[in-house]
Amino acid sequence: MIKGVNKKVIEINRPDSAYFERAVLYLKPDIKEVPLQAAQMETLDYFPAGQKQKKTLPGWLLFLLGMAAGSGSIWLYLTVMKL
């Protein structure tokens, strides 16, 4: 048995994006067309304008990396001084 499904789909291609190739949006069955302003408002809900998420390391990780670098420096200094 073959089941047919008829859906309205919007496909957005972004080949220049570093992360995503395309997005596929499925419209609800009772929607005939999407007003531009409504589409822009929905987009802003998912992707707030002007807000880039800054990727930072947690404080505890920075502390551990600093301790490791300091310990390595002290070890290297003491090793060289013995020669």
Foldseek 3Di string as FASTA:
>chain_A
DDDDDDWDKDKAADCPDPPDGIDIDTDDPVDDDDDPVNVVVVVCVVPPPPDDDDDDDDPVVVVVVVVVVVVVVVVVVVVVVVD
